[in-house]
Amino acid sequence: MITHKTKYALKALAVLADEKTGDANALRIEQIAERSGAPKRFLEHILLDLKRAGLIGSRRGRKGG
């Protein structure tokens, strides 16, 4: 059985894989949430887990996000 967390993680990874951007055009959590259909707050935790696992990278936003 696939959990909601796993489903949203896979959808987020698919969104990131489909996006062909460089560092200058990194996607924001809001954009990933909208494209994947995942709730933003839940996605924040999922993306943090993916970052800790070394599957994705991140950087701070203009406002320290």
C-alpha atoms as a PDB file:
ATOM      1  CA  MET A   1       0.000   0.000   0.000  1.00  0.00           C
ATOM      2  CA  ILE A   2       1.314   3.432  -0.948  1.00  0.00           C
ATOM      3  CA  THR A   3       0.813   6.137   1.673  1.00  0.00           C
ATOM      4  CA  HIS A   4      -0.261   9.701   0.888  1.00  0.00           C
ATOM      5  CA  LYS A   5       3.221  10.853   1.847  1.00  0.00           C
ATOM      6  CA  THR A   6       4.826   8.493  -0.659  1.00  0.00           C
ATOM      7  CA  LYS A   7       2.337   9.445  -3.369  1.00  0.00           C
ATOM      8  CA  TYR A   8       2.981  13.169  -2.900  1.00  0.00           C
ATOM      9  CA  ALA A   9       6.749  12.606  -2.746  1.00  0.00           C
ATOM     10  CA  LEU A  10       6.671  10.765  -6.071  1.00  0.00           C
ATOM     11  CA  LYS A  11       4.498  13.462  -7.637  1.00  0.00           C
ATOM     12  CA  ALA A  12       6.850  16.192  -6.384  1.00  0.00           C
ATOM     13  CA  LEU A  13       9.863  14.324  -7.774  1.00  0.00           C
ATOM     14  CA  ALA A  14       8.053  13.977 -11.110  1.00  0.00           C
ATOM     15  CA  VAL A  15       7.385  17.728 -11.181  1.00  0.00           C
ATOM     16  CA  LEU A  16      11.047  18.428 -10.459  1.00  0.00           C
ATOM     17  CA  ALA A  17      12.176  15.931 -13.102  1.00  0.00           C
ATOM     18  CA  ASP A  18       9.877  17.482 -15.711  1.00  0.00           C
ATOM     19  CA  GLU A  19      11.179  20.973 -15.005  1.00  0.00           C
ATOM     20  CA  LYS A  20      14.190  21.738 -17.159  1.00  0.00           C
ATOM     21  CA  THR A  21      15.589  24.731 -15.312  1.00  0.00           C
ATOM     22  CA  GLY A  22      18.986  25.772 -14.079  1.00  0.00           C
ATOM     23  CA  ASP A  23      19.878  27.086 -10.630  1.00  0.00           C
ATOM     24  CA  ALA A  24      18.606  30.562 -11.472  1.00  0.00           C
ATOM     25  CA  ASN A  25      15.072  29.280 -12.025  1.00  0.00           C
ATOM     26  CA  ALA A  26      14.571  26.907  -9.107  1.00  0.00           C
ATOM     27  CA  LEU A  27      10.973  25.991  -8.318  1.00  0.00           C
ATOM     28  CA  ARG A  28       9.339  27.279  -5.152  1.00  0.00           C
ATOM     29  CA  ILE A  29       7.373  24.997  -2.857  1.00  0.00           C
ATOM     30  CA  GLU A  30       4.174  26.776  -3.891  1.00  0.00           C
ATOM     31  CA  GLN A  31       4.815  25.901  -7.537  1.00  0.00           C
ATOM     32  CA  ILE A  32       5.597  22.269  -6.764  1.00  0.00           C
ATOM     33  CA  ALA A  33       2.494  21.999  -4.558  1.00  0.00           C
ATOM     34  CA  GLU A  34       0.267  23.463  -7.262  1.00  0.00           C
ATOM     35  CA  ARG A  35       1.625  21.201  -9.993  1.00  0.00           C
ATOM     36  CA  SER A  36       1.618  18.035  -7.882  1.00  0.00           C
ATOM     37  CA  GLY A  37      -1.688  18.622  -6.102  1.00  0.00           C
ATOM     38  CA  ALA A  38      -0.032  18.214  -2.699  1.00  0.00           C
ATOM     39  CA  PRO A  39      -0.949  20.404   0.286  1.00  0.00           C
ATOM     40  CA  LYS A  40       1.838  22.988   0.740  1.00  0.00           C
ATOM     41  CA  ARG A  41       2.405  22.387   4.475  1.00  0.00           C
ATOM     42  CA  PHE A  42       2.578  18.619   4.013  1.00  0.00           C
ATOM     43  CA  LEU A  43       4.863  19.042   1.011  1.00  0.00           C
ATOM     44  CA  GLU A  44       7.299  21.134   3.066  1.00  0.00           C
ATOM     45  CA  HIS A  45       7.906  18.148   5.345  1.00  0.00           C
ATOM     46  CA  ILE A  46       8.150  15.742   2.428  1.00  0.00           C
ATOM     47  CA  LEU A  47      10.686  17.901   0.586  1.00  0.00           C
ATOM     48  CA  LEU A  48      12.752  18.234   3.751  1.00  0.00           C
ATOM     49  CA  ASP A  49      12.862  14.429   4.028  1.00  0.00           C
ATOM     50  CA  LEU A  50      13.889  14.169   0.361  1.00  0.00           C
ATOM     51  CA  LYS A  51      16.623  16.763   0.932  1.00  0.00           C
ATOM     52  CA  ARG A  52      17.952  14.911   3.978  1.00  0.00           C
ATOM     53  CA  ALA A  53      18.028  11.723   1.902  1.00  0.00           C
ATOM     54  CA  GLY A  54      20.132  13.512  -0.720  1.00  0.00           C
ATOM     55  CA  LEU A  55      17.527  13.148  -3.466  1.00  0.00           C
ATOM     56  CA  ILE A  56      16.995  16.884  -4.013  1.00  0.00           C
ATOM     57  CA  GLY A  57      18.776  20.120  -3.233  1.00  0.00           C
ATOM     58  CA  SER A  58      17.437  23.385  -1.905  1.00  0.00           C
ATOM     59  CA  ARG A  59      18.430  26.955  -1.312  1.00  0.00           C
ATOM     60  CA  ARG A  60      17.063  29.829   0.712  1.00  0.00           C
ATOM     61  CA  GLY A  61      14.710  32.277  -0.895  1.00  0.00           C
ATOM     62  CA  ARG A  62      14.867  36.060  -0.910  1.00  0.00           C
ATOM     63  CA  LYS A  63      12.993  36.263   2.377  1.00  0.00           C
ATOM     64  CA  GLY A  64      14.981  33.503   4.080  1.00  0.00           C
ATOM     65  CA  GLY A  65      12.540  30.729   3.171  1.00  0.00           C
END
